[in-house]
Amino acid sequence: MYAETTLGLQQKDNALTVAIEAVKRNGSNGTALVVNSSGVVEPRSLTLGIDSGQRIEVLSGLKDSEQVIIGNLNGFQPGQHVRPKVVVQNEAPTEGGL
């Protein structure tokens, strides 16, 4: 006999989070590629918080209105002009909190 459970260890309301694939991590710090208002890729240093496995909390270095690149970050270079494609994430809480 067995059972499945979900255990929420930490939860924060109104936390700024991004998909884990958007961040190159280095401990509690990281880097994301941001697309500015002119469509130019810029690297951004981040301070990171709670990691849910799918999303990671951004404590500083990013505003909630900014667009980040998700996925193959090695396929983009700072200064490169891009046309962003907006991906709508599910706003419901994910398992594990955040």
PDB file of N, CA and C in Angstrom:
ATOM      1  N   MET A   1       0.839  -1.163   0.000  1.00  0.00           N
ATOM      2  CA  MET A   1       0.000   0.000   0.000  1.00  0.00           C
ATOM      3  C   MET A   1       0.896   1.242   0.000  1.00  0.00           C
ATOM      4  N   TYR A   2       0.451   2.287  -0.694  1.00  0.00           N
ATOM      5  CA  TYR A   2       1.208   3.531  -0.720  1.00  0.00           C
ATOM      6  C   TYR A   2       0.239   4.696  -0.840  1.00  0.00           C
ATOM      7  N   ALA A   3       0.785   5.887  -0.639  1.00  0.00           N
ATOM      8  CA  ALA A   3      -0.022   7.109  -0.745  1.00  0.00           C
ATOM      9  C   ALA A   3       0.821   8.212  -1.344  1.00  0.00           C
ATOM     10  N   GLU A   4       0.185   9.115  -2.084  1.00  0.00           N
ATOM     11  CA  GLU A   4       0.855  10.294  -2.614  1.00  0.00           C
ATOM     12  C   GLU A   4       0.431  11.496  -1.808  1.00  0.00           C
ATOM     13  N   THR A   5       1.382  12.364  -1.492  1.00  0.00           N
ATOM     14  CA  THR A   5       1.060  13.588  -0.765  1.00  0.00           C
ATOM     15  C   THR A   5       1.791  14.755  -1.394  1.00  0.00           C
ATOM     16  N   THR A   6       1.316  15.938  -1.124  1.00  0.00           N
ATOM     17  CA  THR A   6       2.004  17.166  -1.502  1.00  0.00           C
ATOM     18  C   THR A   6       2.271  17.922  -0.220  1.00  0.00           C
ATOM     19  N   LEU A   7       3.517  18.239  -0.005  1.00  0.00           N
ATOM     20  CA  LEU A   7       3.916  18.918   1.219  1.00  0.00           C
ATOM     21  C   LEU A   7       4.442  20.299   0.860  1.00  0.00           C
ATOM     22  N   GLY A   8       3.747  21.339   1.275  1.00  0.00           N
ATOM     23  CA  GLY A   8       4.195  22.710   1.035  1.00  0.00           C
ATOM     24  C   GLY A   8       5.106  23.149   2.166  1.00  0.00           C
ATOM     25  N   LEU A   9       6.375  23.377   1.848  1.00  0.00           N
ATOM     26  CA  LEU A   9       7.331  23.753   2.878  1.00  0.00           C
ATOM     27  C   LEU A   9       7.364  25.248   3.131  1.00  0.00           C
ATOM     28  N   GLN A  10       7.272  26.028   2.064  1.00  0.00           N
ATOM     29  CA  GLN A  10       7.270  27.477   2.187  1.00  0.00           C
ATOM     30  C   GLN A  10       6.300  28.050   1.170  1.00  0.00           C
ATOM     31  N   GLN A  11       5.688  29.151   1.527  1.00  0.00           N
ATOM     32  CA  GLN A  11       4.794  29.827   0.591  1.00  0.00           C
ATOM     33  C   GLN A  11       4.888  31.318   0.842  1.00  0.00           C
ATOM     34  N   LYS A  12       4.974  32.076  -0.245  1.00  0.00           N
ATOM     35  CA  LYS A  12       4.991  33.530  -0.162  1.00  0.00           C
ATOM     36  C   LYS A  12       3.934  34.069  -1.106  1.00  0.00           C
ATOM     37  N   ASP A  13       3.118  34.979  -0.603  1.00  0.00           N
ATOM     38  CA  ASP A  13       2.137  35.639  -1.446  1.00  0.00           C
ATOM     39  C   ASP A  13       2.799  36.812  -2.157  1.00  0.00           C
ATOM     40  N   ASN A  14       2.394  37.055  -3.400  1.00  0.00           N
ATOM     41  CA  ASN A  14       2.876  38.193  -4.199  1.00  0.00           C
ATOM     42  C   ASN A  14       4.381  38.178  -4.435  1.00  0.00           C
ATOM     43  N   ALA A  15       4.984  37.006  -4.493  1.00  0.00           N
ATOM     44  CA  ALA A  15       6.413  36.899  -4.782  1.00  0.00           C
ATOM     45  C   ALA A  15       6.619  37.002  -6.294  1.00  0.00           C
ATOM     46  N   LEU A  16       7.670  37.691  -6.711  1.00  0.00           N
ATOM     47  CA  LEU A  16       8.041  37.753  -8.123  1.00  0.00           C
ATOM     48  C   LEU A  16       8.810  36.478  -8.441  1.00  0.00           C
ATOM     49  N   THR A  17       8.291  35.694  -9.384  1.00  0.00           N
ATOM     50  CA  THR A  17       8.948  34.451  -9.773  1.00  0.00           C
ATOM     51  C   THR A  17       9.100  34.387 -11.283  1.00  0.00           C
ATOM     52  N   VAL A  18      10.071  33.594 -11.719  1.00  0.00           N
ATOM     53  CA  VAL A  18      10.257  33.311 -13.141  1.00  0.00           C
ATOM     54  C   VAL A  18      10.439  31.810 -13.298  1.00  0.00           C
ATOM     55  N   ALA A  19      10.228  31.326 -14.509  1.00  0.00           N
ATOM     56  CA  ALA A  19      10.464  29.914 -14.799  1.00  0.00           C
ATOM     57  C   ALA A  19      11.926  29.592 -14.540  1.00  0.00           C
ATOM     58  N   ILE A  20      12.174  28.428 -13.981  1.00  0.00           N
ATOM     59  CA  ILE A  20      13.535  28.014 -13.637  1.00  0.00           C
ATOM     60  C   ILE A  20      14.446  28.022 -14.865  1.00  0.00           C
ATOM     61  N   GLU A  21      13.854  27.786 -16.067  1.00  0.00           N
ATOM     62  CA  GLU A  21      14.639  27.759 -17.311  1.00  0.00           C
ATOM     63  C   GLU A  21      15.121  29.141 -17.740  1.00  0.00           C
ATOM     64  N   ALA A  22      14.674  30.198 -17.071  1.00  0.00           N
ATOM     65  CA  ALA A  22      15.070  31.559 -17.434  1.00  0.00           C
ATOM     66  C   ALA A  22      16.331  32.015 -16.715  1.00  0.00           C
ATOM     67  N   VAL A  23      16.843  31.195 -15.793  1.00  0.00           N
ATOM     68  CA  VAL A  23      17.929  31.647 -14.924  1.00  0.00           C
ATOM     69  C   VAL A  23      19.132  30.721 -15.004  1.00  0.00           C
ATOM     70  N   LYS A  24      20.311  31.322 -15.159  1.00  0.00           N
ATOM     71  CA  LYS A  24      21.577  30.610 -14.957  1.00  0.00           C
ATOM     72  C   LYS A  24      21.956  30.856 -13.511  1.00  0.00           C
ATOM     73  N   ARG A  25      21.998  29.793 -12.721  1.00  0.00           N
ATOM     74  CA  ARG A  25      22.187  29.939 -11.272  1.00  0.00           C
ATOM     75  C   ARG A  25      23.636  29.829 -10.856  1.00  0.00           C
ATOM     76  N   ASN A  26      23.936  30.554  -9.767  1.00  0.00           N
ATOM     77  CA  ASN A  26      25.222  30.472  -9.097  1.00  0.00           C
ATOM     78  C   ASN A  26      24.937  30.657  -7.608  1.00  0.00           C
ATOM     79  N   GLY A  27      24.488  29.603  -6.950  1.00  0.00           N
ATOM     80  CA  GLY A  27      24.105  29.696  -5.547  1.00  0.00           C
ATOM     81  C   GLY A  27      22.840  30.528  -5.390  1.00  0.00           C
ATOM     82  N   SER A  28      22.905  31.553  -4.540  1.00  0.00           N
ATOM     83  CA  SER A  28      21.739  32.411  -4.325  1.00  0.00           C
ATOM     84  C   SER A  28      21.687  33.571  -5.318  1.00  0.00           C
ATOM     85  N   ASN A  29      22.590  33.573  -6.274  1.00  0.00           N
ATOM     86  CA  ASN A  29      22.593  34.585  -7.327  1.00  0.00           C
ATOM     87  C   ASN A  29      22.346  33.908  -8.665  1.00  0.00           C
ATOM     88  N   GLY A  30      22.042  34.715  -9.645  1.00  0.00           N
ATOM     89  CA  GLY A  30      21.822  34.172 -10.974  1.00  0.00           C
ATOM     90  C   GLY A  30      21.835  35.268 -12.010  1.00  0.00           C
ATOM     91  N   THR A  31      21.704  34.853 -13.259  1.00  0.00           N
ATOM     92  CA  THR A  31      21.648  35.791 -14.375  1.00  0.00           C
ATOM     93  C   THR A  31      20.484  35.399 -15.263  1.00  0.00           C
ATOM     94  N   ALA A  32      19.740  36.399 -15.709  1.00  0.00           N
ATOM     95  CA  ALA A  32      18.660  36.183 -16.675  1.00  0.00           C
ATOM     96  C   ALA A  32      18.920  37.081 -17.869  1.00  0.00           C
ATOM     97  N   LEU A  33      18.400  36.690 -19.011  1.00  0.00           N
ATOM     98  CA  LEU A  33      18.459  37.536 -20.203  1.00  0.00           C
ATOM     99  C   LEU A  33      17.124  38.240 -20.328  1.00  0.00           C
ATOM    100  N   VAL A  34      17.172  39.570 -20.266  1.00  0.00           N
ATOM    101  CA  VAL A  34      15.985  40.412 -20.319  1.00  0.00           C
ATOM    102  C   VAL A  34      15.899  41.041 -21.698  1.00  0.00           C
ATOM    103  N   VAL A  35      14.690  41.133 -22.251  1.00  0.00           N
ATOM    104  CA  VAL A  35      14.467  41.831 -23.517  1.00  0.00           C
ATOM    105  C   VAL A  35      13.940  43.217 -23.170  1.00  0.00           C
ATOM    106  N   ASN A  36      14.727  44.253 -23.509  1.00  0.00           N
ATOM    107  CA  ASN A  36      14.303  45.611 -23.156  1.00  0.00           C
ATOM    108  C   ASN A  36      13.229  46.125 -24.108  1.00  0.00           C
ATOM    109  N   SER A  37      12.771  47.339 -23.884  1.00  0.00           N
ATOM    110  CA  SER A  37      11.668  47.906 -24.671  1.00  0.00           C
ATOM    111  C   SER A  37      12.020  48.100 -26.145  1.00  0.00           C
ATOM    112  N   SER A  38      13.314  48.095 -26.477  1.00  0.00           N
ATOM    113  CA  SER A  38      13.753  48.212 -27.869  1.00  0.00           C
ATOM    114  C   SER A  38      13.956  46.858 -28.530  1.00  0.00           C
ATOM    115  N   GLY A  39      13.674  45.769 -27.799  1.00  0.00           N
ATOM    116  CA  GLY A  39      13.860  44.425 -28.347  1.00  0.00           C
ATOM    117  C   GLY A  39      15.294  43.948 -28.322  1.00  0.00           C
ATOM    118  N   VAL A  40      16.101  44.516 -27.424  1.00  0.00           N
ATOM    119  CA  VAL A  40      17.511  44.155 -27.320  1.00  0.00           C
ATOM    120  C   VAL A  40      17.723  43.303 -26.067  1.00  0.00           C
ATOM    121  N   VAL A  41      18.514  42.231 -26.214  1.00  0.00           N
ATOM    122  CA  VAL A  41      18.800  41.317 -25.111  1.00  0.00           C
ATOM    123  C   VAL A  41      19.843  41.940 -24.190  1.00  0.00           C
ATOM    124  N   GLU A  42      19.531  41.932 -22.882  1.00  0.00           N
ATOM    125  CA  GLU A  42      20.450  42.442 -21.860  1.00  0.00           C
ATOM    126  C   GLU A  42      20.614  41.395 -20.764  1.00  0.00           C
ATOM    127  N   PRO A  43      21.858  41.131 -20.322  1.00  0.00           N
ATOM    128  CA  PRO A  43      22.022  40.242 -19.168  1.00  0.00           C
ATOM    129  C   PRO A  43      21.655  41.004 -17.897  1.00  0.00           C
ATOM    130  N   ARG A  44      21.093  40.309 -16.923  1.00  0.00           N
ATOM    131  CA  ARG A  44      20.687  40.952 -15.681  1.00  0.00           C
ATOM    132  C   ARG A  44      21.088  40.065 -14.508  1.00  0.00           C
ATOM    133  N   SER A  45      21.816  40.632 -13.553  1.00  0.00           N
ATOM    134  CA  SER A  45      22.188  39.913 -12.337  1.00  0.00           C
ATOM    135  C   SER A  45      21.005  39.900 -11.382  1.00  0.00           C
ATOM    136  N   LEU A  46      20.738  38.728 -10.802  1.00  0.00           N
ATOM    137  CA  LEU A  46      19.592  38.554  -9.919  1.00  0.00           C
ATOM    138  C   LEU A  46      20.026  38.018  -8.562  1.00  0.00           C
ATOM    139  N   THR A  47      19.269  38.375  -7.541  1.00  0.00           N
ATOM    140  CA  THR A  47      19.369  37.727  -6.238  1.00  0.00           C
ATOM    141  C   THR A  47      18.145  36.832  -6.135  1.00  0.00           C
ATOM    142  N   LEU A  48      18.391  35.553  -5.832  1.00  0.00           N
ATOM    143  CA  LEU A  48      17.334  34.554  -5.883  1.00  0.00           C
ATOM    144  C   LEU A  48      16.877  34.133  -4.498  1.00  0.00           C
ATOM    145  N   GLY A  49      15.639  33.664  -4.428  1.00  0.00           N
ATOM    146  CA  GLY A  49      15.059  33.196  -3.175  1.00  0.00           C
ATOM    147  C   GLY A  49      14.628  31.752  -3.278  1.00  0.00           C
ATOM    148  N   ILE A  50      13.380  31.493  -2.927  1.00  0.00           N
ATOM    149  CA  ILE A  50      12.837  30.138  -2.859  1.00  0.00           C
ATOM    150  C   ILE A  50      12.735  29.525  -4.256  1.00  0.00           C
ATOM    151  N   ASP A  51      13.131  28.255  -4.363  1.00  0.00           N
ATOM    152  CA  ASP A  51      13.076  27.492  -5.606  1.00  0.00           C
ATOM    153  C   ASP A  51      12.016  26.407  -5.436  1.00  0.00           C
ATOM    154  N   SER A  52      10.964  26.445  -6.266  1.00  0.00           N
ATOM    155  CA  SER A  52       9.902  25.439  -6.166  1.00  0.00           C
ATOM    156  C   SER A  52      10.148  24.243  -7.071  1.00  0.00           C
ATOM    157  N   GLY A  53      11.222  24.272  -7.844  1.00  0.00           N
ATOM    158  CA  GLY A  53      11.478  23.207  -8.800  1.00  0.00           C
ATOM    159  C   GLY A  53      11.037  23.576 -10.202  1.00  0.00           C
ATOM    160  N   GLN A  54       9.978  24.378 -10.316  1.00  0.00           N
ATOM    161  CA  GLN A  54       9.492  24.843 -11.612  1.00  0.00           C
ATOM    162  C   GLN A  54       9.692  26.343 -11.779  1.00  0.00           C
ATOM    163  N   ARG A  55       9.623  27.074 -10.662  1.00  0.00           N
ATOM    164  CA  ARG A  55       9.781  28.527 -10.676  1.00  0.00           C
ATOM    165  C   ARG A  55      10.737  28.910  -9.554  1.00  0.00           C
ATOM    166  N   ILE A  56      11.355  30.072  -9.703  1.00  0.00           N
ATOM    167  CA  ILE A  56      12.272  30.550  -8.683  1.00  0.00           C
ATOM    168  C   ILE A  56      11.949  32.004  -8.356  1.00  0.00           C
ATOM    169  N   GLU A  57      12.004  32.321  -7.082  1.00  0.00           N
ATOM    170  CA  GLU A  57      11.713  33.672  -6.610  1.00  0.00           C
ATOM    171  C   GLU A  57      12.872  34.603  -6.945  1.00  0.00           C
ATOM    172  N   VAL A  58      12.545  35.804  -7.411  1.00  0.00           N
ATOM    173  CA  VAL A  58      13.549  36.833  -7.691  1.00  0.00           C
ATOM    174  C   VAL A  58      13.399  37.912  -6.628  1.00  0.00           C
ATOM    175  N   LEU A  59      14.423  38.036  -5.777  1.00  0.00           N
ATOM    176  CA  LEU A  59      14.400  39.015  -4.695  1.00  0.00           C
ATOM    177  C   LEU A  59      14.812  40.398  -5.173  1.00  0.00           C
ATOM    178  N   SER A  60      15.744  40.452  -6.117  1.00  0.00           N
ATOM    179  CA  SER A  60      16.161  41.744  -6.679  1.00  0.00           C
ATOM    180  C   SER A  60      16.786  41.531  -8.049  1.00  0.00           C
ATOM    181  N   GLY A  61      16.767  42.605  -8.857  1.00  0.00           N
ATOM    182  CA  GLY A  61      17.376  42.588 -10.172  1.00  0.00           C
ATOM    183  C   GLY A  61      16.398  42.531 -11.327  1.00  0.00           C
ATOM    184  N   LEU A  62      15.102  42.377 -11.024  1.00  0.00           N
ATOM    185  CA  LEU A  62      14.101  42.253 -12.064  1.00  0.00           C
ATOM    186  C   LEU A  62      12.792  42.882 -11.601  1.00  0.00           C
ATOM    187  N   LYS A  63      12.107  43.557 -12.523  1.00  0.00           N
ATOM    188  CA  LYS A  63      10.783  44.118 -12.230  1.00  0.00           C
ATOM    189  C   LYS A  63       9.723  43.200 -12.816  1.00  0.00           C
ATOM    190  N   ASP A  64       8.531  43.237 -12.234  1.00  0.00           N
ATOM    191  CA  ASP A  64       7.479  42.332 -12.693  1.00  0.00           C
ATOM    192  C   ASP A  64       6.995  42.616 -14.109  1.00  0.00           C
ATOM    193  N   SER A  65       7.282  43.780 -14.660  1.00  0.00           N
ATOM    194  CA  SER A  65       6.845  44.111 -16.013  1.00  0.00           C
ATOM    195  C   SER A  65       7.882  43.746 -17.075  1.00  0.00           C
ATOM    196  N   GLU A  66       9.043  43.267 -16.681  1.00  0.00           N
ATOM    197  CA  GLU A  66      10.106  42.971 -17.643  1.00  0.00           C
ATOM    198  C   GLU A  66       9.946  41.572 -18.233  1.00  0.00           C
ATOM    199  N   GLN A  67      10.417  41.426 -19.477  1.00  0.00           N
ATOM    200  CA  GLN A  67      10.341  40.155 -20.181  1.00  0.00           C
ATOM    201  C   GLN A  67      11.685  39.455 -20.119  1.00  0.00           C
ATOM    202  N   VAL A  68      11.656  38.162 -19.789  1.00  0.00           N
ATOM    203  CA  VAL A  68      12.879  37.362 -19.744  1.00  0.00           C
ATOM    204  C   VAL A  68      12.808  36.267 -20.797  1.00  0.00           C
ATOM    205  N   ILE A  69      13.967  35.825 -21.229  1.00  0.00           N
ATOM    206  CA  ILE A  69      14.060  34.730 -22.197  1.00  0.00           C
ATOM    207  C   ILE A  69      14.026  33.417 -21.419  1.00  0.00           C
ATOM    208  N   ILE A  70      13.208  32.494 -21.899  1.00  0.00           N
ATOM    209  CA  ILE A  70      13.072  31.181 -21.270  1.00  0.00           C
ATOM    210  C   ILE A  70      13.574  30.130 -22.251  1.00  0.00           C
ATOM    211  N   GLY A  71      14.346  29.185 -21.741  1.00  0.00           N
ATOM    212  CA  GLY A  71      14.770  28.073 -22.584  1.00  0.00           C
ATOM    213  C   GLY A  71      16.250  28.113 -22.891  1.00  0.00           C
ATOM    214  N   ASN A  72      16.600  27.992 -24.155  1.00  0.00           N
ATOM    215  CA  ASN A  72      17.987  27.903 -24.584  1.00  0.00           C
ATOM    216  C   ASN A  72      18.672  29.268 -24.490  1.00  0.00           C
ATOM    217  N   LEU A  73      19.170  29.602 -23.308  1.00  0.00           N
ATOM    218  CA  LEU A  73      19.806  30.908 -23.103  1.00  0.00           C
ATOM    219  C   LEU A  73      21.092  31.049 -23.913  1.00  0.00           C
ATOM    220  N   ASN A  74      21.746  29.932 -24.235  1.00  0.00           N
ATOM    221  CA  ASN A  74      22.976  29.988 -25.022  1.00  0.00           C
ATOM    222  C   ASN A  74      22.725  30.393 -26.467  1.00  0.00           C
ATOM    223  N   GLY A  75      21.473  30.382 -26.903  1.00  0.00           N
ATOM    224  CA  GLY A  75      21.134  30.772 -28.266  1.00  0.00           C
ATOM    225  C   GLY A  75      20.991  32.277 -28.444  1.00  0.00           C
ATOM    226  N   PHE A  76      21.210  33.041 -27.370  1.00  0.00           N
ATOM    227  CA  PHE A  76      21.053  34.498 -27.410  1.00  0.00           C
ATOM    228  C   PHE A  76      22.300  35.172 -26.869  1.00  0.00           C
ATOM    229  N   GLN A  77      22.603  36.341 -27.422  1.00  0.00           N
ATOM    230  CA  GLN A  77      23.775  37.111 -27.005  1.00  0.00           C
ATOM    231  C   GLN A  77      23.340  38.506 -26.558  1.00  0.00           C
ATOM    232  N   PRO A  78      24.005  39.063 -25.530  1.00  0.00           N
ATOM    233  CA  PRO A  78      23.721  40.455 -25.159  1.00  0.00           C
ATOM    234  C   PRO A  78      23.897  41.372 -26.368  1.00  0.00           C
ATOM    235  N   GLY A  79      22.955  42.297 -26.549  1.00  0.00           N
ATOM    236  CA  GLY A  79      22.987  43.217 -27.669  1.00  0.00           C
ATOM    237  C   GLY A  79      22.220  42.726 -28.886  1.00  0.00           C
ATOM    238  N   GLN A  80      21.847  41.462 -28.893  1.00  0.00           N
ATOM    239  CA  GLN A  80      21.106  40.892 -30.015  1.00  0.00           C
ATOM    240  C   GLN A  80      19.693  41.471 -30.045  1.00  0.00           C
ATOM    241  N   HIS A  81      19.206  41.797 -31.247  1.00  0.00           N
ATOM    242  CA  HIS A  81      17.830  42.265 -31.416  1.00  0.00           C
ATOM    243  C   HIS A  81      16.927  41.055 -31.607  1.00  0.00           C
ATOM    244  N   VAL A  82      15.822  41.024 -30.847  1.00  0.00           N
ATOM    245  CA  VAL A  82      14.877  39.909 -30.933  1.00  0.00           C
ATOM    246  C   VAL A  82      13.455  40.448 -30.971  1.00  0.00           C
ATOM    247  N   ARG A  83      12.549  39.614 -31.409  1.00  0.00           N
ATOM    248  CA  ARG A  83      11.121  39.934 -31.353  1.00  0.00           C
ATOM    249  C   ARG A  83      10.514  38.969 -30.336  1.00  0.00           C
ATOM    250  N   PRO A  84      10.209  39.463 -29.140  1.00  0.00           N
ATOM    251  CA  PRO A  84       9.735  38.554 -28.100  1.00  0.00           C
ATOM    252  C   PRO A  84       8.373  37.958 -28.407  1.00  0.00           C
ATOM    253  N   LYS A  85       8.209  36.717 -27.977  1.00  0.00           N
ATOM    254  CA  LYS A  85       6.928  36.031 -28.059  1.00  0.00           C
ATOM    255  C   LYS A  85       6.466  35.832 -26.619  1.00  0.00           C
ATOM    256  N   VAL A  86       5.350  36.400 -26.273  1.00  0.00           N
ATOM    257  CA  VAL A  86       4.858  36.336 -24.903  1.00  0.00           C
ATOM    258  C   VAL A  86       4.243  34.961 -24.651  1.00  0.00           C
ATOM    259  N   VAL A  87       4.680  34.339 -23.563  1.00  0.00           N
ATOM    260  CA  VAL A  87       4.151  33.054 -23.126  1.00  0.00           C
ATOM    261  C   VAL A  87       3.414  33.298 -21.825  1.00  0.00           C
ATOM    262  N   VAL A  88       2.133  32.990 -21.793  1.00  0.00           N
ATOM    263  CA  VAL A  88       1.344  33.209 -20.589  1.00  0.00           C
ATOM    264  C   VAL A  88       1.503  31.997 -19.684  1.00  0.00           C
ATOM    265  N   GLN A  89       1.970  32.247 -18.471  1.00  0.00           N
ATOM    266  CA  GLN A  89       2.140  31.193 -17.480  1.00  0.00           C
ATOM    267  C   GLN A  89       0.862  31.057 -16.683  1.00  0.00           C
ATOM    268  N   ASN A  90       0.581  29.861 -16.215  1.00  0.00           N
ATOM    269  CA  ASN A  90      -0.571  29.631 -15.343  1.00  0.00           C
ATOM    270  C   ASN A  90      -0.349  30.385 -14.044  1.00  0.00           C
ATOM    271  N   GLU A  91      -1.282  31.211 -13.628  1.00  0.00           N
ATOM    272  CA  GLU A  91      -1.129  32.032 -12.437  1.00  0.00           C
ATOM    273  C   GLU A  91      -1.527  31.309 -11.167  1.00  0.00           C
ATOM    274  N   ALA A  92      -2.047  30.091 -11.277  1.00  0.00           N
ATOM    275  CA  ALA A  92      -2.411  29.328 -10.090  1.00  0.00           C
ATOM    276  C   ALA A  92      -1.152  28.909  -9.361  1.00  0.00           C
ATOM    277  N   PRO A  93      -1.183  28.804  -8.040  1.00  0.00           N
ATOM    278  CA  PRO A  93      -0.012  28.382  -7.277  1.00  0.00           C
ATOM    279  C   PRO A  93       0.461  27.001  -7.738  1.00  0.00           C
ATOM    280  N   THR A  94       1.775  26.831  -7.777  1.00  0.00           N
ATOM    281  CA  THR A  94       2.338  25.553  -8.155  1.00  0.00           C
ATOM    282  C   THR A  94       2.521  24.694  -6.915  1.00  0.00           C
ATOM    283  N   GLU A  95       2.654  23.404  -7.112  1.00  0.00           N
ATOM    284  CA  GLU A  95       2.905  22.531  -5.990  1.00  0.00           C
ATOM    285  C   GLU A  95       4.232  22.912  -5.352  1.00  0.00           C
ATOM    286  N   GLY A  96       4.303  22.861  -4.056  1.00  0.00           N
ATOM    287  CA  GLY A  96       5.537  23.187  -3.355  1.00  0.00           C
ATOM    288  C   GLY A  96       5.608  24.624  -2.911  1.00  0.00           C
ATOM    289  N   GLY A  97       4.605  25.420  -3.207  1.00  0.00           N
ATOM    290  CA  GLY A  97       4.575  26.793  -2.710  1.00  0.00           C
ATOM    291  C   GLY A  97       5.041  27.818  -3.712  1.00  0.00           C
ATOM    292  N   LEU A  98       5.347  28.989  -3.206  1.00  0.00           N
ATOM    293  CA  LEU A  98       5.680  30.208  -3.927  1.00  0.00           C
ATOM    294  C   LEU A  98       4.416  30.777  -4.398  1.00  0.00           C
TER     295      LEU A  98
END
